């Protein structure tokens, strides 16, 4: 099993930046990819970005050019650098893993609020 803990959320003004972290423990050798999702109040959870174990990355169109996903393989942490934040980026952000044998794990989420 893989355990995930997100951190780094908070309150930021529009145009500001935050860096989220997703720390993985447990059977990390089973992880094929790590994704970030978000869920705003009253909306469905949506995929934001993903990074494979070979560091290939992909982004949802609504964050391209503003968010960057990266990983530290020694610390088993995946980061989401979020720049030029907008009010519509306000959501709970979750990290998620795609693992061998089709398993998936979720963290507990971290709140990001973009407001003046």
Protein backbone atom coordinates (compact mmCIF):
# COMPACT_ATOMS: atom_id res chain seq x y z
CA UNK A 1 0.00 0.00 0.00
CA UNK A 2 0.94 3.60 -0.60
CA UNK A 3 0.16 6.40 1.81
CA UNK A 4 -0.01 9.97 0.56
CA UNK A 5 0.12 13.21 2.52
CA UNK A 6 -0.45 16.58 0.85
CA UNK A 7 0.73 19.88 2.26
CA UNK A 8 1.36 23.45 1.20
CA UNK A 9 -2.16 24.75 0.75
CA UNK A 10 -3.35 28.06 2.11
CA UNK A 11 -4.79 31.45 1.34
CA UNK A 12 -3.18 33.47 -1.46
CA UNK A 13 -4.16 36.57 -3.39
CA UNK A 14 -4.98 36.42 -7.10
CA UNK A 15 -1.77 36.39 -9.10
CA UNK A 16 0.14 34.76 -6.26
CA UNK A 17 1.90 31.43 -6.02
CA UNK A 18 1.83 28.31 -3.89
CA UNK A 19 3.76 25.06 -3.97
CA UNK A 20 1.95 21.91 -2.96
CA UNK A 21 3.76 18.77 -1.87
CA UNK A 22 2.65 15.16 -1.96
CA UNK A 23 4.78 12.86 0.16
CA UNK A 24 4.49 9.14 -0.51
CA UNK A 25 5.38 6.33 1.87
CA UNK A 26 4.90 2.60 1.84
CA UNK A 27 5.12 0.60 -1.39
CA UNK A 28 6.39 3.51 -3.48
CA UNK A 29 8.15 1.12 -5.86
CA UNK A 30 4.67 0.17 -7.15
CA UNK A 31 3.88 3.71 -8.28
CA UNK A 32 3.70 4.24 -12.04
CA UNK A 33 2.45 7.83 -12.00
CA UNK A 34 1.33 10.53 -9.60
CA UNK A 35 -1.48 12.93 -10.37
CA UNK A 36 -2.94 16.03 -8.85
CA UNK A 37 -6.71 16.49 -8.82
CA UNK A 38 -8.85 19.23 -7.39
CA UNK A 39 -12.42 19.62 -6.26
CA UNK A 40 -14.14 22.95 -5.87
CA UNK A 41 -17.32 23.32 -3.78
CA UNK A 42 -20.31 21.95 -5.64
CA UNK A 43 -18.20 20.66 -8.52
CA UNK A 44 -16.83 17.30 -9.56
CA UNK A 45 -13.25 16.36 -8.88
CA UNK A 46 -11.09 17.16 -11.90
CA UNK A 47 -7.63 16.12 -13.00
CA UNK A 48 -5.01 18.86 -12.93
CA UNK A 49 -1.62 17.37 -13.79
CA UNK A 50 0.34 14.13 -13.81
CA UNK A 51 3.91 12.89 -13.81
CA UNK A 52 5.15 9.40 -14.63
CA UNK A 53 8.02 7.54 -13.00
CA UNK A 54 10.14 8.58 -16.02
CA UNK A 55 9.15 12.22 -15.36
CA UNK A 56 6.91 12.65 -18.37
CA UNK A 57 4.37 15.32 -17.50
CA UNK A 58 0.94 16.37 -18.69
CA UNK A 59 -1.42 19.15 -17.71
CA UNK A 60 -5.06 20.07 -17.97
CA UNK A 61 -5.56 22.91 -20.42
CA UNK A 62 -6.79 25.25 -17.70
CA UNK A 63 -3.41 25.14 -15.86
CA UNK A 64 -0.97 24.90 -18.76
CA UNK A 65 1.65 27.61 -18.53
CA UNK A 66 0.79 28.35 -14.89
CA UNK A 67 1.33 25.09 -12.97
CA UNK A 68 4.38 22.84 -12.98
CA UNK A 69 4.52 19.30 -11.63
CA UNK A 70 7.85 17.81 -10.60
CA UNK A 71 9.22 15.02 -8.46
CA UNK A 72 12.03 14.30 -6.05
CA UNK A 73 12.71 10.59 -6.39
CA UNK A 74 15.01 10.49 -3.38
CA UNK A 75 12.47 12.02 -1.02
CA UNK A 76 9.47 10.42 -2.78
CA UNK A 77 7.74 13.78 -3.01
CA UNK A 78 5.81 15.21 -5.94
CA UNK A 79 5.37 18.95 -6.12
CA UNK A 80 2.82 21.16 -7.81
CA UNK A 81 4.11 24.68 -8.32
CA UNK A 82 1.15 26.95 -8.91
CA UNK A 83 1.75 30.44 -10.30
CA UNK A 84 -0.58 33.20 -11.49
CA UNK A 85 -3.34 31.82 -9.33
CA UNK A 86 -6.93 32.76 -10.08
CA UNK A 87 -10.03 32.69 -7.91
CA UNK A 88 -11.28 29.75 -9.95
CA UNK A 89 -8.27 27.73 -8.75
CA UNK A 90 -9.83 27.66 -5.30
CA UNK A 91 -10.38 24.01 -4.40
CA UNK A 92 -9.21 21.12 -2.30
CA UNK A 93 -6.19 19.63 -4.06
CA UNK A 94 -5.57 15.88 -3.85
CA UNK A 95 -2.71 13.75 -5.00
CA UNK A 96 -3.33 10.31 -6.38
CA UNK A 97 -1.24 7.42 -7.59
CA UNK A 98 -1.54 4.99 -10.46
CA UNK A 99 0.08 1.80 -9.21
CA UNK A 100 0.84 -1.69 -10.41
CA UNK A 101 -2.10 -4.10 -10.55
CA UNK A 102 -4.47 -1.20 -11.13
CA UNK A 103 -4.30 0.06 -7.58
CA UNK A 104 -4.84 3.71 -6.77
CA UNK A 105 -4.25 5.69 -3.58
CA UNK A 106 -5.50 9.12 -2.51
CA UNK A 107 -4.29 11.65 -0.01
CA UNK A 108 -6.52 13.57 2.35
CA UNK A 109 -6.30 16.81 0.37
CA UNK A 110 -5.06 20.33 1.03
CA UNK A 111 -7.18 23.46 0.74
CA UNK A 112 -6.14 26.20 -1.67
CA UNK A 113 -8.06 29.47 -1.46
CA UNK A 114 -7.37 32.29 -3.90
CA UNK A 115 -8.98 35.48 -2.71
CA UNK A 116 -8.22 39.13 -2.15
